């Protein structure tokens, strides 16, 4: 594209860019409407499961957060050259339909749900092209957090998390001076029994913290490796916060406030751990900023005698 020489050329080029952006945006809206109609049964079952399962209920917020993140990038998207990637977009959409067909034939709902995300990615490539795709890559990956883990993967994670929560709670309670006896996932704290149920495994807190960390990583201006560290570190942060909640709940049971701990504090503490996790992640960002020293600017090259003389400078 030729470089504009006059202000009128700049204005005309800007108007053309805005017009093209609005045209492709209208195509995208129509495409999303068609996508919602084609995947309505999958979207309905996904929303129903997210609403019913506390472990993944945070997934209901993911589409709205993703929409906000895209809206936040609207100026940058307007400046991008929207050039459809026909082969890439059509290829991904066909792959998504193959995954959807597999899910329908073998009654594998997760395949149909991931096919929905893959179709969205294919539409972005088909409409906007590779430059728009790279600009929205983080948001497209973020959409994966909307889909609950497949049953087999869920069981592989939930069981060890539950066992780890019980083991960690025993260790911390004994450090605090409590008498603890563990039988499976049932703790006896100073004579009071506390069951570490599947809901106490921390999976719900883990999914919520990963969503929060991924959103925070998109919003902050940091190197990619720091954003990756932030998202990955949300896993141990969630485990530690869940252990703290579990220990406080067990202490309340031991002190005779079992009804209060079961009906109020158990859920209230879960909510209070969210701002604590945000503070920990913010402290982590501040620590990485202190530890990483920015590269010093290279000194400007000195001018030779001939250049100094040509510029009228003293030697």
C-alpha atoms as a PDB file:
ATOM      1  CA  UNK A   1       0.000   0.000   0.000  1.00  0.00           C
ATOM      2  CA  UNK A   2       1.465   3.380  -1.057  1.00  0.00           C
ATOM      3  CA  UNK A   3       2.322   5.800   1.705  1.00  0.00           C
ATOM      4  CA  UNK A   4      -0.111   8.744   1.740  1.00  0.00           C
ATOM      5  CA  UNK A   5       1.526  12.107   1.005  1.00  0.00           C
ATOM      6  CA  UNK A   6      -1.206  14.569   1.911  1.00  0.00           C
ATOM      7  CA  UNK A   7      -3.699  14.901   4.807  1.00  0.00           C
ATOM      8  CA  UNK A   8      -6.567  14.267   2.389  1.00  0.00           C
ATOM      9  CA  UNK A   9      -4.985  10.917   1.465  1.00  0.00           C
ATOM     10  CA  UNK A  10      -4.686   9.995   5.145  1.00  0.00           C
ATOM     11  CA  UNK A  11      -8.326  10.864   5.745  1.00  0.00           C
ATOM     12  CA  UNK A  12      -9.477   8.871   2.721  1.00  0.00           C
ATOM     13  CA  UNK A  13      -7.362   5.890   3.747  1.00  0.00           C
ATOM     14  CA  UNK A  14      -8.816   6.063   7.267  1.00  0.00           C
ATOM     15  CA  UNK A  15     -12.368   6.175   5.918  1.00  0.00           C
ATOM     16  CA  UNK A  16     -11.696   3.142   3.690  1.00  0.00           C
ATOM     17  CA  UNK A  17     -10.214   1.201   6.617  1.00  0.00           C
ATOM     18  CA  UNK A  18     -13.186   2.000   8.850  1.00  0.00           C
ATOM     19  CA  UNK A  19     -15.633   1.069   6.095  1.00  0.00           C
ATOM     20  CA  UNK A  20     -13.917  -2.284   5.500  1.00  0.00           C
ATOM     21  CA  UNK A  21     -13.807  -2.960   9.242  1.00  0.00           C
ATOM     22  CA  UNK A  22     -17.530  -2.247   9.597  1.00  0.00           C
ATOM     23  CA  UNK A  23     -18.335  -4.469   6.607  1.00  0.00           C
ATOM     24  CA  UNK A  24     -16.362  -7.418   7.950  1.00  0.00           C
ATOM     25  CA  UNK A  25     -17.813  -6.789  11.416  1.00  0.00           C
ATOM     26  CA  UNK A  26     -21.322  -7.102   9.966  1.00  0.00           C
ATOM     27  CA  UNK A  27     -20.285 -10.351   8.276  1.00  0.00           C
ATOM     28  CA  UNK A  28     -18.960 -11.570  11.635  1.00  0.00           C
ATOM     29  CA  UNK A  29     -22.238 -10.774  13.402  1.00  0.00           C
ATOM     30  CA  UNK A  30     -24.188 -12.688  10.763  1.00  0.00           C
ATOM     31  CA  UNK A  31     -21.737 -15.568  11.080  1.00  0.00           C
ATOM     32  CA  UNK A  32     -22.158 -15.672  14.868  1.00  0.00           C
ATOM     33  CA  UNK A  33     -25.941 -15.744  14.433  1.00  0.00           C
ATOM     34  CA  UNK A  34     -25.646 -18.701  12.056  1.00  0.00           C
ATOM     35  CA  UNK A  35     -23.225 -20.387  14.479  1.00  0.00           C
ATOM     36  CA  UNK A  36     -25.653 -19.961  17.390  1.00  0.00           C
ATOM     37  CA  UNK A  37     -28.462 -21.467  15.328  1.00  0.00           C
ATOM     38  CA  UNK A  38     -26.333 -24.426  14.169  1.00  0.00           C
ATOM     39  CA  UNK A  39     -24.972 -25.178  17.640  1.00  0.00           C
ATOM     40  CA  UNK A  40     -28.039 -24.248  19.676  1.00  0.00           C
ATOM     41  CA  UNK A  41     -28.452 -27.731  21.183  1.00  0.00           C
ATOM     42  CA  UNK A  42     -24.774 -27.803  22.195  1.00  0.00           C
ATOM     43  CA  UNK A  43     -24.926 -24.270  23.636  1.00  0.00           C
ATOM     44  CA  UNK A  44     -28.084 -25.104  25.599  1.00  0.00           C
ATOM     45  CA  UNK A  45     -26.652 -28.290  27.125  1.00  0.00           C
ATOM     46  CA  UNK A  46     -23.370 -26.513  27.916  1.00  0.00           C
ATOM     47  CA  UNK A  47     -25.123 -23.655  29.714  1.00  0.00           C
ATOM     48  CA  UNK A  48     -27.298 -26.136  31.630  1.00  0.00           C
ATOM     49  CA  UNK A  49     -24.286 -28.135  32.815  1.00  0.00           C
ATOM     50  CA  UNK A  50     -22.327 -25.035  33.776  1.00  0.00           C
ATOM     51  CA  UNK A  51     -25.261 -23.802  35.831  1.00  0.00           C
ATOM     52  CA  UNK A  52     -25.718 -27.158  37.573  1.00  0.00           C
ATOM     53  CA  UNK A  53     -22.048 -27.962  38.287  1.00  0.00           C
ATOM     54  CA  UNK A  54     -20.392 -25.650  40.816  1.00  0.00           C
ATOM     55  CA  UNK A  55     -16.946 -26.833  39.747  1.00  0.00           C
ATOM     56  CA  UNK A  56     -17.341 -25.163  36.357  1.00  0.00           C
ATOM     57  CA  UNK A  57     -19.982 -22.496  37.015  1.00  0.00           C
ATOM     58  CA  UNK A  58     -17.397 -19.781  36.390  1.00  0.00           C
ATOM     59  CA  UNK A  59     -17.558 -20.847  32.741  1.00  0.00           C
ATOM     60  CA  UNK A  60     -20.835 -18.934  32.434  1.00  0.00           C
ATOM     61  CA  UNK A  61     -18.830 -15.711  32.737  1.00  0.00           C
ATOM     62  CA  UNK A  62     -16.237 -16.634  30.108  1.00  0.00           C
ATOM     63  CA  UNK A  63     -18.225 -15.531  26.986  1.00  0.00           C
ATOM     64  CA  UNK A  64     -19.021 -12.157  28.553  1.00  0.00           C
ATOM     65  CA  UNK A  65     -15.407 -11.603  29.627  1.00  0.00           C
ATOM     66  CA  UNK A  66     -14.238 -12.631  26.139  1.00  0.00           C
ATOM     67  CA  UNK A  67     -16.650 -10.136  24.569  1.00  0.00           C
ATOM     68  CA  UNK A  68     -15.253  -7.389  26.824  1.00  0.00           C
ATOM     69  CA  UNK A  69     -11.671  -8.305  25.907  1.00  0.00           C
ATOM     70  CA  UNK A  70     -12.505  -8.153  22.187  1.00  0.00           C
ATOM     71  CA  UNK A  71     -14.303  -4.827  22.671  1.00  0.00           C
ATOM     72  CA  UNK A  72     -11.229  -3.525  24.483  1.00  0.00           C
ATOM     73  CA  UNK A  73      -9.146  -4.343  21.390  1.00  0.00           C
ATOM     74  CA  UNK A  74     -11.556  -2.675  18.955  1.00  0.00           C
ATOM     75  CA  UNK A  75      -9.170   0.164  18.028  1.00  0.00           C
ATOM     76  CA  UNK A  76      -6.326  -2.255  17.316  1.00  0.00           C
ATOM     77  CA  UNK A  77      -8.662  -4.493  15.302  1.00  0.00           C
ATOM     78  CA  UNK A  78      -9.811  -1.489  13.293  1.00  0.00           C
ATOM     79  CA  UNK A  79      -6.208  -0.836  12.289  1.00  0.00           C
ATOM     80  CA  UNK A  80      -5.609  -4.443  11.194  1.00  0.00           C
ATOM     81  CA  UNK A  81      -5.775  -5.441   7.553  1.00  0.00           C
ATOM     82  CA  UNK A  82      -8.762  -7.794   7.314  1.00  0.00           C
ATOM     83  CA  UNK A  83      -7.715 -10.294   4.688  1.00  0.00           C
ATOM     84  CA  UNK A  84      -9.639 -13.617   4.777  1.00  0.00           C
ATOM     85  CA  UNK A  85      -7.538 -16.760   5.151  1.00  0.00           C
ATOM     86  CA  UNK A  86      -9.720 -19.017   3.058  1.00  0.00           C
ATOM     87  CA  UNK A  87      -7.791 -22.263   3.338  1.00  0.00           C
ATOM     88  CA  UNK A  88      -7.019 -21.911   7.024  1.00  0.00           C
ATOM     89  CA  UNK A  89     -10.548 -20.871   7.980  1.00  0.00           C
ATOM     90  CA  UNK A  90     -12.337 -23.487   5.870  1.00  0.00           C
ATOM     91  CA  UNK A  91      -9.891 -26.173   7.031  1.00  0.00           C
ATOM     92  CA  UNK A  92     -10.543 -25.439  10.713  1.00  0.00           C
ATOM     93  CA  UNK A  93     -14.310 -25.314  10.211  1.00  0.00           C
ATOM     94  CA  UNK A  94     -14.233 -28.691   8.428  1.00  0.00           C
ATOM     95  CA  UNK A  95     -12.081 -30.134  11.241  1.00  0.00           C
ATOM     96  CA  UNK A  96     -14.599 -28.792  13.763  1.00  0.00           C
ATOM     97  CA  UNK A  97     -17.464 -30.456  11.917  1.00  0.00           C
ATOM     98  CA  UNK A  98     -15.544 -33.742  11.904  1.00  0.00           C
ATOM     99  CA  UNK A  99     -15.064 -33.453  15.680  1.00  0.00           C
ATOM    100  CA  UNK A 100     -18.735 -32.629  16.083  1.00  0.00           C
ATOM    101  CA  UNK A 101     -19.756 -35.642  14.011  1.00  0.00           C
ATOM    102  CA  UNK A 102     -17.509 -37.841  16.157  1.00  0.00           C
ATOM    103  CA  UNK A 103     -19.194 -36.475  19.288  1.00  0.00           C
ATOM    104  CA  UNK A 104     -22.654 -37.116  17.862  1.00  0.00           C
ATOM    105  CA  UNK A 105     -21.885 -40.671  16.741  1.00  0.00           C
ATOM    106  CA  UNK A 106     -20.121 -41.738  19.950  1.00  0.00           C
ATOM    107  CA  UNK A 107     -22.191 -39.608  22.380  1.00  0.00           C
ATOM    108  CA  UNK A 108     -19.128 -37.613  23.438  1.00  0.00           C
ATOM    109  CA  UNK A 109     -20.440 -34.208  24.457  1.00  0.00           C
ATOM    110  CA  UNK A 110     -17.013 -32.695  25.084  1.00  0.00           C
ATOM    111  CA  UNK A 111     -16.088 -33.210  21.416  1.00  0.00           C
ATOM    112  CA  UNK A 112     -19.175 -31.278  20.333  1.00  0.00           C
ATOM    113  CA  UNK A 113     -18.362 -28.446  22.735  1.00  0.00           C
ATOM    114  CA  UNK A 114     -14.747 -28.161  21.664  1.00  0.00           C
ATOM    115  CA  UNK A 115     -15.984 -28.260  18.062  1.00  0.00           C
ATOM    116  CA  UNK A 116     -17.987 -25.128  18.865  1.00  0.00           C
ATOM    117  CA  UNK A 117     -14.808 -23.319  19.991  1.00  0.00           C
ATOM    118  CA  UNK A 118     -12.887 -24.594  16.963  1.00  0.00           C
ATOM    119  CA  UNK A 119     -15.635 -23.316  14.661  1.00  0.00           C
ATOM    120  CA  UNK A 120     -15.335 -19.853  16.233  1.00  0.00           C
ATOM    121  CA  UNK A 121     -11.580 -19.927  15.615  1.00  0.00           C
ATOM    122  CA  UNK A 122     -12.165 -20.978  12.014  1.00  0.00           C
ATOM    123  CA  UNK A 123     -14.636 -18.139  11.505  1.00  0.00           C
ATOM    124  CA  UNK A 124     -12.104 -15.619  12.827  1.00  0.00           C
ATOM    125  CA  UNK A 125      -9.556 -16.892  10.304  1.00  0.00           C
ATOM    126  CA  UNK A 126     -12.093 -17.004   7.494  1.00  0.00           C
ATOM    127  CA  UNK A 127     -13.326 -13.457   8.089  1.00  0.00           C
ATOM    128  CA  UNK A 128     -10.361 -11.578   9.524  1.00  0.00           C
ATOM    129  CA  UNK A 129      -7.305 -13.483   8.401  1.00  0.00           C
ATOM    130  CA  UNK A 130      -4.068 -14.327  10.147  1.00  0.00           C
ATOM    131  CA  UNK A 131      -3.341 -10.852  11.489  1.00  0.00           C
ATOM    132  CA  UNK A 132      -6.700 -10.618  13.249  1.00  0.00           C
ATOM    133  CA  UNK A 133      -6.293 -14.223  14.410  1.00  0.00           C
ATOM    134  CA  UNK A 134      -2.936 -13.437  16.037  1.00  0.00           C
ATOM    135  CA  UNK A 135      -4.427 -10.353  17.655  1.00  0.00           C
ATOM    136  CA  UNK A 136      -7.264 -12.402  19.205  1.00  0.00           C
ATOM    137  CA  UNK A 137      -5.304 -15.592  19.902  1.00  0.00           C
ATOM    138  CA  UNK A 138      -5.326 -15.111  23.686  1.00  0.00           C
ATOM    139  CA  UNK A 139      -9.082 -14.506  23.709  1.00  0.00           C
ATOM    140  CA  UNK A 140      -9.699 -17.582  21.545  1.00  0.00           C
ATOM    141  CA  UNK A 141      -7.642 -19.731  23.915  1.00  0.00           C
ATOM    142  CA  UNK A 142      -9.535 -18.154  26.811  1.00  0.00           C
ATOM    143  CA  UNK A 143     -12.796 -19.539  25.377  1.00  0.00           C
ATOM    144  CA  UNK A 144     -11.559 -23.072  26.152  1.00  0.00           C
ATOM    145  CA  UNK A 145     -12.121 -22.323  29.851  1.00  0.00           C
ATOM    146  CA  UNK A 146     -15.843 -22.244  29.103  1.00  0.00           C
ATOM    147  CA  UNK A 147     -15.953 -25.996  28.454  1.00  0.00           C
ATOM    148  CA  UNK A 148     -15.965 -28.409  31.437  1.00  0.00           C
ATOM    149  CA  UNK A 149     -13.251 -31.020  31.460  1.00  0.00           C
ATOM    150  CA  UNK A 150     -14.181 -34.394  29.945  1.00  0.00           C
ATOM    151  CA  UNK A 151     -15.371 -36.911  32.527  1.00  0.00           C
ATOM    152  CA  UNK A 152     -12.205 -39.015  32.439  1.00  0.00           C
ATOM    153  CA  UNK A 153      -9.944 -35.970  32.817  1.00  0.00           C
ATOM    154  CA  UNK A 154     -12.183 -34.610  35.582  1.00  0.00           C
ATOM    155  CA  UNK A 155     -11.851 -37.853  37.562  1.00  0.00           C
ATOM    156  CA  UNK A 156      -8.074 -37.909  37.025  1.00  0.00           C
ATOM    157  CA  UNK A 157      -7.809 -34.411  38.534  1.00  0.00           C
ATOM    158  CA  UNK A 158     -10.593 -34.336  41.145  1.00  0.00           C
ATOM    159  CA  UNK A 159      -9.561 -37.501  43.008  1.00  0.00           C
ATOM    160  CA  UNK A 160      -5.895 -36.528  43.565  1.00  0.00           C
ATOM    161  CA  UNK A 161      -6.954 -32.972  44.462  1.00  0.00           C
ATOM    162  CA  UNK A 162      -9.313 -34.332  47.111  1.00  0.00           C
ATOM    163  CA  UNK A 163      -6.610 -36.582  48.568  1.00  0.00           C
ATOM    164  CA  UNK A 164      -4.061 -33.773  48.478  1.00  0.00           C
ATOM    165  CA  UNK A 165      -6.517 -31.416  50.229  1.00  0.00           C
ATOM    166  CA  UNK A 166      -7.043 -33.936  53.048  1.00  0.00           C
ATOM    167  CA  UNK A 167      -3.290 -34.603  53.422  1.00  0.00           C
ATOM    168  CA  UNK A 168      -2.409 -30.915  53.376  1.00  0.00           C
ATOM    169  CA  UNK A 169      -5.119 -30.078  55.891  1.00  0.00           C
ATOM    170  CA  UNK A 170      -3.786 -32.739  58.293  1.00  0.00           C
ATOM    171  CA  UNK A 171      -0.275 -31.284  58.037  1.00  0.00           C
ATOM    172  CA  UNK A 172      -1.370 -27.672  58.599  1.00  0.00           C
ATOM    173  CA  UNK A 173      -3.731 -28.527  61.462  1.00  0.00           C
ATOM    174  CA  UNK A 174      -1.016 -30.498  63.227  1.00  0.00           C
ATOM    175  CA  UNK A 175       1.387 -27.585  62.769  1.00  0.00           C
ATOM    176  CA  UNK A 176      -1.228 -25.361  64.405  1.00  0.00           C
ATOM    177  CA  UNK A 177      -1.355 -27.748  67.367  1.00  0.00           C
ATOM    178  CA  UNK A 178      -4.589 -29.619  66.687  1.00  0.00           C
ATOM    179  CA  UNK A 179      -4.945 -33.361  67.240  1.00  0.00           C
ATOM    180  CA  UNK A 180      -5.864 -34.836  63.859  1.00  0.00           C
ATOM    181  CA  UNK A 181      -6.579 -38.392  62.788  1.00  0.00           C
ATOM    182  CA  UNK A 182      -7.260 -39.185  59.150  1.00  0.00           C
ATOM    183  CA  UNK A 183      -9.288 -42.108  57.802  1.00  0.00           C
ATOM    184  CA  UNK A 184      -9.471 -41.847  54.035  1.00  0.00           C
ATOM    185  CA  UNK A 185     -10.901 -38.396  53.361  1.00  0.00           C
ATOM    186  CA  UNK A 186     -12.473 -38.068  56.823  1.00  0.00           C
ATOM    187  CA  UNK A 187     -10.552 -36.027  59.406  1.00  0.00           C
ATOM    188  CA  UNK A 188     -11.101 -36.261  63.141  1.00  0.00           C
ATOM    189  CA  UNK A 189     -10.037 -32.910  64.604  1.00  0.00           C
ATOM    190  CA  UNK A 190     -10.032 -32.814  68.410  1.00  0.00           C
ATOM    191  CA  UNK A 191     -12.791 -35.429  68.429  1.00  0.00           C
ATOM    192  CA  UNK A 192     -14.939 -33.778  65.741  1.00  0.00           C
ATOM    193  CA  UNK A 193     -15.297 -35.490  62.362  1.00  0.00           C
ATOM    194  CA  UNK A 194     -14.862 -33.435  59.203  1.00  0.00           C
ATOM    195  CA  UNK A 195     -15.415 -35.022  55.794  1.00  0.00           C
ATOM    196  CA  UNK A 196     -13.328 -33.702  52.912  1.00  0.00           C
ATOM    197  CA  UNK A 197     -15.960 -34.189  50.206  1.00  0.00           C
ATOM    198  CA  UNK A 198     -15.398 -33.855  46.476  1.00  0.00           C
ATOM    199  CA  UNK A 199     -16.737 -30.299  46.704  1.00  0.00           C
ATOM    200  CA  UNK A 200     -13.805 -29.519  49.030  1.00  0.00           C
ATOM    201  CA  UNK A 201     -11.209 -30.798  46.566  1.00  0.00           C
ATOM    202  CA  UNK A 202     -10.579 -27.261  45.327  1.00  0.00           C
ATOM    203  CA  UNK A 203     -11.480 -27.894  41.690  1.00  0.00           C
ATOM    204  CA  UNK A 204     -14.105 -25.151  41.795  1.00  0.00           C
ATOM    205  CA  UNK A 205     -11.564 -22.700  43.201  1.00  0.00           C
ATOM    206  CA  UNK A 206      -8.983 -23.884  40.689  1.00  0.00           C
ATOM    207  CA  UNK A 207     -11.171 -23.214  37.652  1.00  0.00           C
ATOM    208  CA  UNK A 208     -12.184 -19.809  39.013  1.00  0.00           C
ATOM    209  CA  UNK A 209      -8.595 -18.777  39.719  1.00  0.00           C
ATOM    210  CA  UNK A 210      -7.403 -19.856  36.272  1.00  0.00           C
ATOM    211  CA  UNK A 211     -10.130 -17.715  34.666  1.00  0.00           C
ATOM    212  CA  UNK A 212      -9.185 -14.726  36.843  1.00  0.00           C
ATOM    213  CA  UNK A 213      -5.465 -15.179  36.135  1.00  0.00           C
ATOM    214  CA  UNK A 214      -6.038 -15.514  32.378  1.00  0.00           C
ATOM    215  CA  UNK A 215      -8.121 -12.323  32.354  1.00  0.00           C
ATOM    216  CA  UNK A 216      -5.521 -10.465  34.393  1.00  0.00           C
ATOM    217  CA  UNK A 217      -2.746 -11.719  32.093  1.00  0.00           C
ATOM    218  CA  UNK A 218      -4.570 -10.272  29.077  1.00  0.00           C
ATOM    219  CA  UNK A 219      -5.145  -6.896  30.732  1.00  0.00           C
ATOM    220  CA  UNK A 220      -1.627  -6.234  32.005  1.00  0.00           C
ATOM    221  CA  UNK A 221       1.188  -5.059  29.747  1.00  0.00           C
ATOM    222  CA  UNK A 222       3.907  -7.584  30.461  1.00  0.00           C
ATOM    223  CA  UNK A 223       6.159  -9.920  28.440  1.00  0.00           C
ATOM    224  CA  UNK A 224       4.545 -13.137  27.320  1.00  0.00           C
ATOM    225  CA  UNK A 225       6.620 -15.284  29.651  1.00  0.00           C
ATOM    226  CA  UNK A 226       5.379 -13.279  32.651  1.00  0.00           C
ATOM    227  CA  UNK A 227       1.791 -13.757  31.512  1.00  0.00           C
ATOM    228  CA  UNK A 228       2.389 -17.487  31.152  1.00  0.00           C
ATOM    229  CA  UNK A 229       3.926 -17.634  34.641  1.00  0.00           C
ATOM    230  CA  UNK A 230       0.924 -15.756  36.022  1.00  0.00           C
ATOM    231  CA  UNK A 231      -1.577 -18.230  34.551  1.00  0.00           C
ATOM    232  CA  UNK A 232       0.424 -21.320  35.546  1.00  0.00           C
ATOM    233  CA  UNK A 233       0.974 -20.044  39.089  1.00  0.00           C
ATOM    234  CA  UNK A 234      -2.788 -19.731  39.590  1.00  0.00           C
ATOM    235  CA  UNK A 235      -2.856 -23.522  40.115  1.00  0.00           C
ATOM    236  CA  UNK A 236      -0.671 -23.596  43.267  1.00  0.00           C
ATOM    237  CA  UNK A 237      -2.303 -20.374  44.478  1.00  0.00           C
ATOM    238  CA  UNK A 238      -5.723 -22.053  44.237  1.00  0.00           C
ATOM    239  CA  UNK A 239      -4.451 -25.144  46.090  1.00  0.00           C
ATOM    240  CA  UNK A 240      -2.988 -23.033  48.922  1.00  0.00           C
ATOM    241  CA  UNK A 241      -6.153 -20.931  49.272  1.00  0.00           C
ATOM    242  CA  UNK A 242      -8.320 -24.046  49.340  1.00  0.00           C
ATOM    243  CA  UNK A 243      -6.123 -25.527  52.092  1.00  0.00           C
ATOM    244  CA  UNK A 244      -6.540 -22.355  54.142  1.00  0.00           C
ATOM    245  CA  UNK A 245     -10.325 -22.492  53.728  1.00  0.00           C
ATOM    246  CA  UNK A 246     -10.411 -26.178  54.650  1.00  0.00           C
ATOM    247  CA  UNK A 247      -8.285 -25.700  57.773  1.00  0.00           C
ATOM    248  CA  UNK A 248     -10.407 -22.826  59.064  1.00  0.00           C
ATOM    249  CA  UNK A 249     -13.575 -24.842  58.442  1.00  0.00           C
ATOM    250  CA  UNK A 250     -12.124 -27.842  60.299  1.00  0.00           C
ATOM    251  CA  UNK A 251     -11.152 -25.642  63.255  1.00  0.00           C
ATOM    252  CA  UNK A 252     -14.694 -24.305  63.443  1.00  0.00           C
ATOM    253  CA  UNK A 253     -16.009 -27.874  63.546  1.00  0.00           C
ATOM    254  CA  UNK A 254     -13.524 -28.703  66.315  1.00  0.00           C
ATOM    255  CA  UNK A 255     -14.650 -25.686  68.368  1.00  0.00           C
ATOM    256  CA  UNK A 256     -18.282 -26.783  68.181  1.00  0.00           C
ATOM    257  CA  UNK A 257     -19.438 -24.389  65.453  1.00  0.00           C
ATOM    258  CA  UNK A 258     -20.165 -27.173  62.977  1.00  0.00           C
ATOM    259  CA  UNK A 259     -23.528 -25.788  61.884  1.00  0.00           C
ATOM    260  CA  UNK A 260     -22.058 -22.351  61.244  1.00  0.00           C
ATOM    261  CA  UNK A 261     -19.121 -23.825  59.341  1.00  0.00           C
ATOM    262  CA  UNK A 262     -21.354 -26.049  57.211  1.00  0.00           C
ATOM    263  CA  UNK A 263     -24.115 -23.591  56.344  1.00  0.00           C
ATOM    264  CA  UNK A 264     -22.311 -20.273  56.125  1.00  0.00           C
ATOM    265  CA  UNK A 265     -18.545 -20.191  56.425  1.00  0.00           C
ATOM    266  CA  UNK A 266     -17.824 -22.985  53.939  1.00  0.00           C
ATOM    267  CA  UNK A 267     -19.250 -20.985  51.022  1.00  0.00           C
ATOM    268  CA  UNK A 268     -18.387 -17.574  52.460  1.00  0.00           C
ATOM    269  CA  UNK A 269     -14.727 -18.531  52.825  1.00  0.00           C
ATOM    270  CA  UNK A 270     -14.730 -19.724  49.216  1.00  0.00           C
ATOM    271  CA  UNK A 271     -15.880 -16.277  48.100  1.00  0.00           C
ATOM    272  CA  UNK A 272     -13.350 -14.534  50.334  1.00  0.00           C
ATOM    273  CA  UNK A 273     -10.507 -16.534  48.811  1.00  0.00           C
ATOM    274  CA  UNK A 274     -11.093 -14.846  45.455  1.00  0.00           C
ATOM    275  CA  UNK A 275      -9.877 -11.361  46.487  1.00  0.00           C
ATOM    276  CA  UNK A 276      -7.039 -13.073  48.363  1.00  0.00           C
ATOM    277  CA  UNK A 277      -6.003 -14.847  45.164  1.00  0.00           C
ATOM    278  CA  UNK A 278      -6.161 -11.565  43.208  1.00  0.00           C
ATOM    279  CA  UNK A 279      -3.903  -9.940  45.810  1.00  0.00           C
ATOM    280  CA  UNK A 280      -1.440 -12.844  45.553  1.00  0.00           C
ATOM    281  CA  UNK A 281      -1.390 -12.604  41.742  1.00  0.00           C
ATOM    282  CA  UNK A 282      -0.917  -8.815  41.937  1.00  0.00           C
ATOM    283  CA  UNK A 283       1.961  -9.313  44.386  1.00  0.00           C
ATOM    284  CA  UNK A 284       3.447 -11.845  41.974  1.00  0.00           C
ATOM    285  CA  UNK A 285       3.316  -9.287  39.146  1.00  0.00           C
ATOM    286  CA  UNK A 286       4.971  -6.687  41.360  1.00  0.00           C
ATOM    287  CA  UNK A 287       7.691  -9.178  42.340  1.00  0.00           C
ATOM    288  CA  UNK A 288       8.429 -10.082  38.705  1.00  0.00           C
ATOM    289  CA  UNK A 289       8.654  -6.390  37.887  1.00  0.00           C
ATOM    290  CA  UNK A 290      11.236  -5.914  40.650  1.00  0.00           C
ATOM    291  CA  UNK A 291      13.259  -8.965  39.723  1.00  0.00           C
ATOM    292  CA  UNK A 292      13.463  -8.306  35.975  1.00  0.00           C
ATOM    293  CA  UNK A 293      15.832  -5.500  35.054  1.00  0.00           C
ATOM    294  CA  UNK A 294      14.982  -3.833  31.712  1.00  0.00           C
ATOM    295  CA  UNK A 295      17.686  -3.809  29.092  1.00  0.00           C
ATOM    296  CA  UNK A 296      19.783  -0.650  29.103  1.00  0.00           C
ATOM    297  CA  UNK A 297      19.499   1.465  26.000  1.00  0.00           C
ATOM    298  CA  UNK A 298      22.477   1.192  23.742  1.00  0.00           C
ATOM    299  CA  UNK A 299      24.505   4.460  23.498  1.00  0.00           C
ATOM    300  CA  UNK A 300      24.055   6.416  20.319  1.00  0.00           C
ATOM    301  CA  UNK A 301      26.931   5.910  17.867  1.00  0.00           C
ATOM    302  CA  UNK A 302      29.413   8.748  17.979  1.00  0.00           C
ATOM    303  CA  UNK A 303      29.817  10.848  14.851  1.00  0.00           C
ATOM    304  CA  UNK A 304      33.062  10.766  12.992  1.00  0.00           C
ATOM    305  CA  UNK A 305      35.099  13.895  12.276  1.00  0.00           C
ATOM    306  CA  UNK A 306      33.699  14.233   8.770  1.00  0.00           C
ATOM    307  CA  UNK A 307      30.074  14.112  10.007  1.00  0.00           C
ATOM    308  CA  UNK A 308      30.782  16.567  12.816  1.00  0.00           C
ATOM    309  CA  UNK A 309      32.381  18.961  10.367  1.00  0.00           C
ATOM    310  CA  UNK A 310      29.444  18.623   7.969  1.00  0.00           C
ATOM    311  CA  UNK A 311      27.033  19.313  10.816  1.00  0.00           C
ATOM    312  CA  UNK A 312      29.007  22.376  11.904  1.00  0.00           C
ATOM    313  CA  UNK A 313      29.972  20.868  15.282  1.00  0.00           C
ATOM    314  CA  UNK A 314      33.207  21.429  17.119  1.00  0.00           C
ATOM    315  CA  UNK A 315      35.635  18.472  16.893  1.00  0.00           C
END
